[in-house]
Amino acid sequence: MNGAARPMPLLGDTTLVAVQHISQTIRAGFRDVPVLGLEGHAQQRSGRPSHRITVAGVLTGPTALDDLAALQALATSGEETTFAADIVTALDLQQVVVTRFEATERAGRPGVLDYRLEVVESPPLPPPAQLSAFGALDDFGLGDLGFDTDILGDLEGLAGDIAGAVDAALEAVAALDALAGLASFDFQGVLDPAARVSDSVTEVAEGLQTGVAALGELFGS
């Protein structure tokens, strides 16, 4: 009683008819880590390397040269392709590349070509890392000023918030100027610090006014 025919290994669109040897290698990705006082090494896993499959066989018959050309093209181009065989039944091989190919033609064996090739798993790359606007510096270090600085938010509203802050600063300047005006009385320089603060706040307010004017031009207001 003959059993059902087993499927032949398939590399891309090429059926590997006369395979004589096929092997598959798995490395778990562990490396030795010496630990003081430990007999032997601890094992640390850094990630599984790609699966590797080695196939050796012969090409013969009327399609031998066509099959040879197809295998050589895969090895030369480096393009990803598929691989199916019983030996990789438990593996999720989505794509592979041919990393090595050898072909041998011997005297006295016309029309028969020996070959040996290695295919290696080529998994899809993970999605690129997602970065927020300006490399996660959305608020430009100004997130604690009391208004929304999200670059994707309402910039026009942001300009209004800045204008309000300028008005508050100018009111503070006016109050400090009034206090500093008392310096005409003889308080022996007690109010000098108020005068210096007034000058500093005035400079800041002028800078903020310039920024608000620029934002006004941006929004046409």
C-alpha atoms as a PDB file:
ATOM      1  CA  MET A   1       0.000   0.000   0.000  1.00  0.00           C
ATOM      2  CA  ASN A   2       1.561   3.222  -1.138  1.00  0.00           C
ATOM      3  CA  GLY A   3       1.251   6.294   1.052  1.00  0.00           C
ATOM      4  CA  ALA A   4       0.265   9.681  -0.260  1.00  0.00           C
ATOM      5  CA  ALA A   5       2.993  11.517  -2.138  1.00  0.00           C
ATOM      6  CA  ARG A   6       4.697  14.084   0.016  1.00  0.00           C
ATOM      7  CA  PRO A   7       4.971  17.635  -1.330  1.00  0.00           C
ATOM      8  CA  MET A   8       8.322  18.631  -2.773  1.00  0.00           C
ATOM      9  CA  PRO A   9      10.239  21.610  -1.404  1.00  0.00           C
ATOM     10  CA  LEU A  10       9.304  24.819  -3.178  1.00  0.00           C
ATOM     11  CA  LEU A  11      11.536  27.886  -3.395  1.00  0.00           C
ATOM     12  CA  GLY A  12       9.612  30.747  -4.922  1.00  0.00           C
ATOM     13  CA  ASP A  13       8.143  29.342  -8.139  1.00  0.00           C
ATOM     14  CA  THR A  14      10.830  26.660  -8.475  1.00  0.00           C
ATOM     15  CA  THR A  15      10.058  23.122  -7.378  1.00  0.00           C
ATOM     16  CA  LEU A  16      13.153  21.396  -5.988  1.00  0.00           C
ATOM     17  CA  VAL A  17      12.462  17.980  -7.472  1.00  0.00           C
ATOM     18  CA  ALA A  18      15.488  15.850  -6.587  1.00  0.00           C
ATOM     19  CA  VAL A  19      16.486  17.043  -3.124  1.00  0.00           C
ATOM     20  CA  GLN A  20      19.062  14.733  -1.546  1.00  0.00           C
ATOM     21  CA  HIS A  21      19.701  16.559   1.702  1.00  0.00           C
ATOM     22  CA  ILE A  22      17.917  19.291   3.606  1.00  0.00           C
ATOM     23  CA  SER A  23      18.667  20.647   7.078  1.00  0.00           C
ATOM     24  CA  GLN A  24      17.323  23.435   9.221  1.00  0.00           C
ATOM     25  CA  THR A  25      19.162  25.262  11.993  1.00  0.00           C
ATOM     26  CA  ILE A  26      17.690  27.137  14.941  1.00  0.00           C
ATOM     27  CA  ARG A  27      19.747  29.216  17.324  1.00  0.00           C
ATOM     28  CA  ALA A  28      17.857  30.444  20.368  1.00  0.00           C
ATOM     29  CA  GLY A  29      19.880  33.645  20.727  1.00  0.00           C
ATOM     30  CA  PHE A  30      21.414  32.959  24.130  1.00  0.00           C
ATOM     31  CA  ARG A  31      24.865  34.165  25.174  1.00  0.00           C
ATOM     32  CA  ASP A  32      27.041  33.249  28.131  1.00  0.00           C
ATOM     33  CA  VAL A  33      27.145  35.737  30.998  1.00  0.00           C
ATOM     34  CA  PRO A  34      29.775  34.954  33.644  1.00  0.00           C
ATOM     35  CA  VAL A  35      28.588  35.437  37.223  1.00  0.00           C
ATOM     36  CA  LEU A  36      31.055  35.576  40.119  1.00  0.00           C
ATOM     37  CA  GLY A  37      30.739  32.449  42.256  1.00  0.00           C
ATOM     38  CA  LEU A  38      28.470  30.626  39.783  1.00  0.00           C
ATOM     39  CA  GLU A  39      29.558  27.270  38.390  1.00  0.00           C
ATOM     40  CA  GLY A  40      28.832  27.695  34.717  1.00  0.00           C
ATOM     41  CA  HIS A  41      27.462  30.767  32.965  1.00  0.00           C
ATOM     42  CA  ALA A  42      24.083  32.417  33.241  1.00  0.00           C
ATOM     43  CA  GLN A  43      22.245  32.541  29.923  1.00  0.00           C
ATOM     44  CA  GLN A  44      20.948  35.822  28.574  1.00  0.00           C
ATOM     45  CA  ARG A  45      18.738  35.917  25.501  1.00  0.00           C
ATOM     46  CA  SER A  46      19.176  38.874  23.200  1.00  0.00           C
ATOM     47  CA  GLY A  47      16.739  37.797  20.496  1.00  0.00           C
ATOM     48  CA  ARG A  48      16.426  34.843  18.150  1.00  0.00           C
ATOM     49  CA  PRO A  49      18.549  34.924  14.987  1.00  0.00           C
ATOM     50  CA  SER A  50      16.987  34.047  11.644  1.00  0.00           C
ATOM     51  CA  HIS A  51      16.232  30.435  10.763  1.00  0.00           C
ATOM     52  CA  ARG A  52      18.632  28.929   8.236  1.00  0.00           C
ATOM     53  CA  ILE A  53      17.850  26.079   5.846  1.00  0.00           C
ATOM     54  CA  THR A  54      20.421  24.270   3.743  1.00  0.00           C
ATOM     55  CA  VAL A  55      19.287  22.313   0.680  1.00  0.00           C
ATOM     56  CA  ALA A  56      21.390  20.000  -1.494  1.00  0.00           C
ATOM     57  CA  GLY A  57      20.133  18.121  -4.542  1.00  0.00           C
ATOM     58  CA  VAL A  58      20.360  17.660  -8.273  1.00  0.00           C
ATOM     59  CA  LEU A  59      18.760  19.340 -11.240  1.00  0.00           C
ATOM     60  CA  THR A  60      17.962  17.022 -14.101  1.00  0.00           C
ATOM     61  CA  GLY A  61      15.541  16.514 -16.926  1.00  0.00           C
ATOM     62  CA  PRO A  62      14.282  18.968 -19.541  1.00  0.00           C
ATOM     63  CA  THR A  63      13.794  21.791 -16.990  1.00  0.00           C
ATOM     64  CA  ALA A  64      17.244  21.484 -15.386  1.00  0.00           C
ATOM     65  CA  LEU A  65      18.741  24.560 -17.044  1.00  0.00           C
ATOM     66  CA  ASP A  66      15.608  26.646 -16.497  1.00  0.00           C
ATOM     67  CA  ASP A  67      15.581  25.689 -12.811  1.00  0.00           C
ATOM     68  CA  LEU A  68      19.284  26.497 -12.568  1.00  0.00           C
ATOM     69  CA  ALA A  69      18.692  29.923 -14.109  1.00  0.00           C
ATOM     70  CA  ALA A  70      15.833  30.623 -11.663  1.00  0.00           C
ATOM     71  CA  LEU A  71      17.939  29.678  -8.632  1.00  0.00           C
ATOM     72  CA  GLN A  72      20.896  31.695  -9.864  1.00  0.00           C
ATOM     73  CA  ALA A  73      18.626  34.699 -10.391  1.00  0.00           C
ATOM     74  CA  LEU A  74      17.316  34.479  -6.829  1.00  0.00           C
ATOM     75  CA  ALA A  75      20.828  34.251  -5.415  1.00  0.00           C
ATOM     76  CA  THR A  76      22.079  37.119  -7.585  1.00  0.00           C
ATOM     77  CA  SER A  77      19.207  39.532  -7.044  1.00  0.00           C
ATOM     78  CA  GLY A  78      18.893  39.071  -3.300  1.00  0.00           C
ATOM     79  CA  GLU A  79      15.128  39.421  -3.598  1.00  0.00           C
ATOM     80  CA  GLU A  80      12.886  38.012  -0.924  1.00  0.00           C
ATOM     81  CA  THR A  81      10.878  34.936  -1.793  1.00  0.00           C
ATOM     82  CA  THR A  82       9.006  32.088  -0.122  1.00  0.00           C
ATOM     83  CA  PHE A  83      10.132  28.635   0.938  1.00  0.00           C
ATOM     84  CA  ALA A  84       7.976  25.627   1.746  1.00  0.00           C
ATOM     85  CA  ALA A  85       9.070  22.174   2.882  1.00  0.00           C
ATOM     86  CA  ASP A  86       8.128  19.580   5.484  1.00  0.00           C
ATOM     87  CA  ILE A  87      11.178  20.435   7.578  1.00  0.00           C
ATOM     88  CA  VAL A  88       9.897  23.972   8.277  1.00  0.00           C
ATOM     89  CA  THR A  89       6.349  22.889   9.155  1.00  0.00           C
ATOM     90  CA  ALA A  90       6.452  24.393  12.659  1.00  0.00           C
ATOM     91  CA  LEU A  91       8.188  27.605  11.591  1.00  0.00           C
ATOM     92  CA  ASP A  92       6.501  30.816  10.522  1.00  0.00           C
ATOM     93  CA  LEU A  93       8.638  31.590   7.492  1.00  0.00           C
ATOM     94  CA  GLN A  94       7.026  34.511   5.738  1.00  0.00           C
ATOM     95  CA  GLN A  95       9.959  35.494   3.538  1.00  0.00           C
ATOM     96  CA  VAL A  96      13.465  34.153   2.917  1.00  0.00           C
ATOM     97  CA  VAL A  97      16.496  35.185   0.918  1.00  0.00           C
ATOM     98  CA  VAL A  98      19.072  32.991  -0.783  1.00  0.00           C
ATOM     99  CA  THR A  99      22.404  33.802   0.876  1.00  0.00           C
ATOM    100  CA  ARG A 100      24.535  31.124  -0.802  1.00  0.00           C
ATOM    101  CA  PHE A 101      24.249  29.058  -3.961  1.00  0.00           C
ATOM    102  CA  GLU A 102      26.636  26.541  -5.513  1.00  0.00           C
ATOM    103  CA  ALA A 103      26.183  24.514  -8.690  1.00  0.00           C
ATOM    104  CA  THR A 104      28.444  21.725  -9.948  1.00  0.00           C
ATOM    105  CA  GLU A 105      28.519  19.973 -13.306  1.00  0.00           C
ATOM    106  CA  ARG A 106      30.527  16.738 -13.505  1.00  0.00           C
ATOM    107  CA  ALA A 107      31.997  14.877 -16.436  1.00  0.00           C
ATOM    108  CA  GLY A 108      30.172  11.675 -17.374  1.00  0.00           C
ATOM    109  CA  ARG A 109      26.834  13.004 -16.067  1.00  0.00           C
ATOM    110  CA  PRO A 110      25.339  14.977 -18.949  1.00  0.00           C
ATOM    111  CA  GLY A 111      22.201  16.906 -18.107  1.00  0.00           C
ATOM    112  CA  VAL A 112      22.712  16.545 -14.343  1.00  0.00           C
ATOM    113  CA  LEU A 113      23.700  19.455 -12.114  1.00  0.00           C
ATOM    114  CA  ASP A 114      24.507  19.207  -8.423  1.00  0.00           C
ATOM    115  CA  TYR A 115      23.540  22.244  -6.346  1.00  0.00           C
ATOM    116  CA  ARG A 116      23.679  23.427  -2.784  1.00  0.00           C
ATOM    117  CA  LEU A 117      21.970  26.508  -1.441  1.00  0.00           C
ATOM    118  CA  GLU A 118      21.225  28.237   1.843  1.00  0.00           C
ATOM    119  CA  VAL A 119      18.098  30.234   2.531  1.00  0.00           C
ATOM    120  CA  VAL A 120      17.736  32.514   5.550  1.00  0.00           C
ATOM    121  CA  GLU A 121      14.606  33.898   7.142  1.00  0.00           C
ATOM    122  CA  SER A 122      14.018  37.584   6.343  1.00  0.00           C
ATOM    123  CA  PRO A 123      11.309  38.842   8.744  1.00  0.00           C
ATOM    124  CA  PRO A 124       9.409  42.082   8.112  1.00  0.00           C
ATOM    125  CA  LEU A 125      10.820  45.125   9.851  1.00  0.00           C
ATOM    126  CA  PRO A 126       8.870  46.628  12.767  1.00  0.00           C
ATOM    127  CA  PRO A 127       7.028  49.909  12.157  1.00  0.00           C
ATOM    128  CA  PRO A 128       9.184  53.017  12.531  1.00  0.00           C
ATOM    129  CA  ALA A 129       9.262  54.723  15.903  1.00  0.00           C
ATOM    130  CA  GLN A 130       6.613  57.406  16.242  1.00  0.00           C
ATOM    131  CA  LEU A 131       7.912  60.772  17.414  1.00  0.00           C
ATOM    132  CA  SER A 132       5.706  63.626  18.511  1.00  0.00           C
ATOM    133  CA  ALA A 133       6.105  67.042  16.954  1.00  0.00           C
ATOM    134  CA  PHE A 134       9.523  68.618  17.406  1.00  0.00           C
ATOM    135  CA  GLY A 135      10.971  65.447  18.955  1.00  0.00           C
ATOM    136  CA  ALA A 136       8.691  65.433  22.019  1.00  0.00           C
ATOM    137  CA  LEU A 137       9.470  69.099  22.756  1.00  0.00           C
ATOM    138  CA  ASP A 138       5.950  70.244  21.993  1.00  0.00           C
ATOM    139  CA  ASP A 139       5.823  72.949  24.631  1.00  0.00           C
ATOM    140  CA  PHE A 140       9.385  74.221  23.998  1.00  0.00           C
ATOM    141  CA  GLY A 141       9.959  74.148  27.746  1.00  0.00           C
ATOM    142  CA  LEU A 142       7.081  76.597  28.318  1.00  0.00           C
ATOM    143  CA  GLY A 143       4.503  74.161  29.576  1.00  0.00           C
ATOM    144  CA  ASP A 144       4.221  75.812  32.998  1.00  0.00           C
ATOM    145  CA  LEU A 145       3.257  79.335  31.864  1.00  0.00           C
ATOM    146  CA  GLY A 146      -0.436  78.719  32.339  1.00  0.00           C
ATOM    147  CA  PHE A 147      -1.513  78.446  28.712  1.00  0.00           C
ATOM    148  CA  ASP A 148      -1.599  75.723  26.118  1.00  0.00           C
ATOM    149  CA  THR A 149       1.598  75.585  24.059  1.00  0.00           C
ATOM    150  CA  ASP A 150       0.752  72.526  22.005  1.00  0.00           C
ATOM    151  CA  ILE A 151       2.159  73.276  18.553  1.00  0.00           C
ATOM    152  CA  LEU A 152      -0.807  71.462  17.010  1.00  0.00           C
ATOM    153  CA  GLY A 153      -3.321  73.465  19.049  1.00  0.00           C
ATOM    154  CA  ASP A 154      -4.979  76.796  18.405  1.00  0.00           C
ATOM    155  CA  LEU A 155      -2.132  79.241  17.768  1.00  0.00           C
ATOM    156  CA  GLU A 156      -4.512  82.144  17.539  1.00  0.00           C
ATOM    157  CA  GLY A 157      -5.767  81.405  21.049  1.00  0.00           C
ATOM    158  CA  LEU A 158      -2.154  81.160  22.173  1.00  0.00           C
ATOM    159  CA  ALA A 159      -1.495  84.666  20.836  1.00  0.00           C
ATOM    160  CA  GLY A 160      -4.441  85.946  22.859  1.00  0.00           C
ATOM    161  CA  ASP A 161      -3.081  84.306  25.998  1.00  0.00           C
ATOM    162  CA  ILE A 162       0.299  85.939  25.438  1.00  0.00           C
ATOM    163  CA  ALA A 163      -1.366  89.322  24.912  1.00  0.00           C
ATOM    164  CA  GLY A 164      -3.173  88.913  28.216  1.00  0.00           C
ATOM    165  CA  ALA A 165       0.086  88.106  29.935  1.00  0.00           C
ATOM    166  CA  VAL A 166       1.637  91.263  28.430  1.00  0.00           C
ATOM    167  CA  ASP A 167      -1.237  93.407  29.713  1.00  0.00           C
ATOM    168  CA  ALA A 168      -0.800  91.971  33.199  1.00  0.00           C
ATOM    169  CA  ALA A 169       2.931  92.675  33.028  1.00  0.00           C
ATOM    170  CA  LEU A 170       2.314  96.289  31.959  1.00  0.00           C
ATOM    171  CA  GLU A 171      -0.087  96.777  34.861  1.00  0.00           C
ATOM    172  CA  ALA A 172       2.604  95.511  37.192  1.00  0.00           C
ATOM    173  CA  VAL A 173       5.069  97.965  35.593  1.00  0.00           C
ATOM    174  CA  ALA A 174       2.665 100.847  36.196  1.00  0.00           C
ATOM    175  CA  ALA A 175       2.308  99.874  39.852  1.00  0.00           C
ATOM    176  CA  LEU A 176       6.062  99.603  40.291  1.00  0.00           C
ATOM    177  CA  ASP A 177       6.573 102.950  38.557  1.00  0.00           C
ATOM    178  CA  ALA A 178       4.196 104.518  41.019  1.00  0.00           C
ATOM    179  CA  LEU A 179       6.147 103.072  43.908  1.00  0.00           C
ATOM    180  CA  ALA A 180       9.432 104.066  42.372  1.00  0.00           C
ATOM    181  CA  GLY A 181       8.125 107.605  41.993  1.00  0.00           C
ATOM    182  CA  LEU A 182       8.112 107.849  45.742  1.00  0.00           C
ATOM    183  CA  ALA A 183      11.891 107.794  45.545  1.00  0.00           C
ATOM    184  CA  SER A 184      11.744 111.589  45.234  1.00  0.00           C
ATOM    185  CA  PHE A 185      11.052 111.505  48.911  1.00  0.00           C
ATOM    186  CA  ASP A 186      14.002 110.860  51.129  1.00  0.00           C
ATOM    187  CA  PHE A 187      13.621 107.208  52.128  1.00  0.00           C
ATOM    188  CA  GLN A 188      17.402 106.671  51.975  1.00  0.00           C
ATOM    189  CA  GLY A 189      17.173 104.341  48.936  1.00  0.00           C
ATOM    190  CA  VAL A 190      14.617 101.967  50.435  1.00  0.00           C
ATOM    191  CA  LEU A 191      12.656 101.929  47.168  1.00  0.00           C
ATOM    192  CA  ASP A 192      15.679 101.486  44.875  1.00  0.00           C
ATOM    193  CA  PRO A 193      14.997  97.713  44.473  1.00  0.00           C
ATOM    194  CA  ALA A 194      11.471  98.538  43.274  1.00  0.00           C
ATOM    195  CA  ALA A 195      12.917 100.844  40.644  1.00  0.00           C
ATOM    196  CA  ARG A 196      15.297  98.134  39.402  1.00  0.00           C
ATOM    197  CA  VAL A 197      12.466  95.566  39.215  1.00  0.00           C
ATOM    198  CA  SER A 198      10.376  98.085  37.288  1.00  0.00           C
ATOM    199  CA  ASP A 199      13.146  98.525  34.711  1.00  0.00           C
ATOM    200  CA  SER A 200      13.531  94.743  34.298  1.00  0.00           C
ATOM    201  CA  VAL A 201       9.809  94.104  33.908  1.00  0.00           C
ATOM    202  CA  THR A 202       9.596  96.929  31.364  1.00  0.00           C
ATOM    203  CA  GLU A 203      12.255  95.244  29.224  1.00  0.00           C
ATOM    204  CA  VAL A 204      10.413  91.908  29.406  1.00  0.00           C
ATOM    205  CA  ALA A 205       7.098  93.543  28.548  1.00  0.00           C
ATOM    206  CA  GLU A 206       8.602  95.270  25.523  1.00  0.00           C
ATOM    207  CA  GLY A 207       9.942  91.923  24.283  1.00  0.00           C
ATOM    208  CA  LEU A 208       6.561  90.277  24.749  1.00  0.00           C
ATOM    209  CA  GLN A 209       4.852  93.125  22.891  1.00  0.00           C
ATOM    210  CA  THR A 210       7.180  92.514  19.938  1.00  0.00           C
ATOM    211  CA  GLY A 211       6.244  88.813  19.973  1.00  0.00           C
ATOM    212  CA  VAL A 212       2.511  89.605  20.098  1.00  0.00           C
ATOM    213  CA  ALA A 213       2.878  92.003  17.174  1.00  0.00           C
ATOM    214  CA  ALA A 214       4.540  89.251  15.138  1.00  0.00           C
ATOM    215  CA  LEU A 215       1.750  86.811  15.975  1.00  0.00           C
ATOM    216  CA  GLY A 216      -0.781  89.487  15.017  1.00  0.00           C
ATOM    217  CA  GLU A 217       0.803  89.781  11.605  1.00  0.00           C
ATOM    218  CA  LEU A 218       0.751  85.969  11.273  1.00  0.00           C
ATOM    219  CA  PHE A 219      -2.997  85.805  11.886  1.00  0.00           C
ATOM    220  CA  GLY A 220      -3.759  89.014  10.029  1.00  0.00           C
ATOM    221  CA  SER A 221      -5.107  90.778  13.119  1.00  0.00           C
END
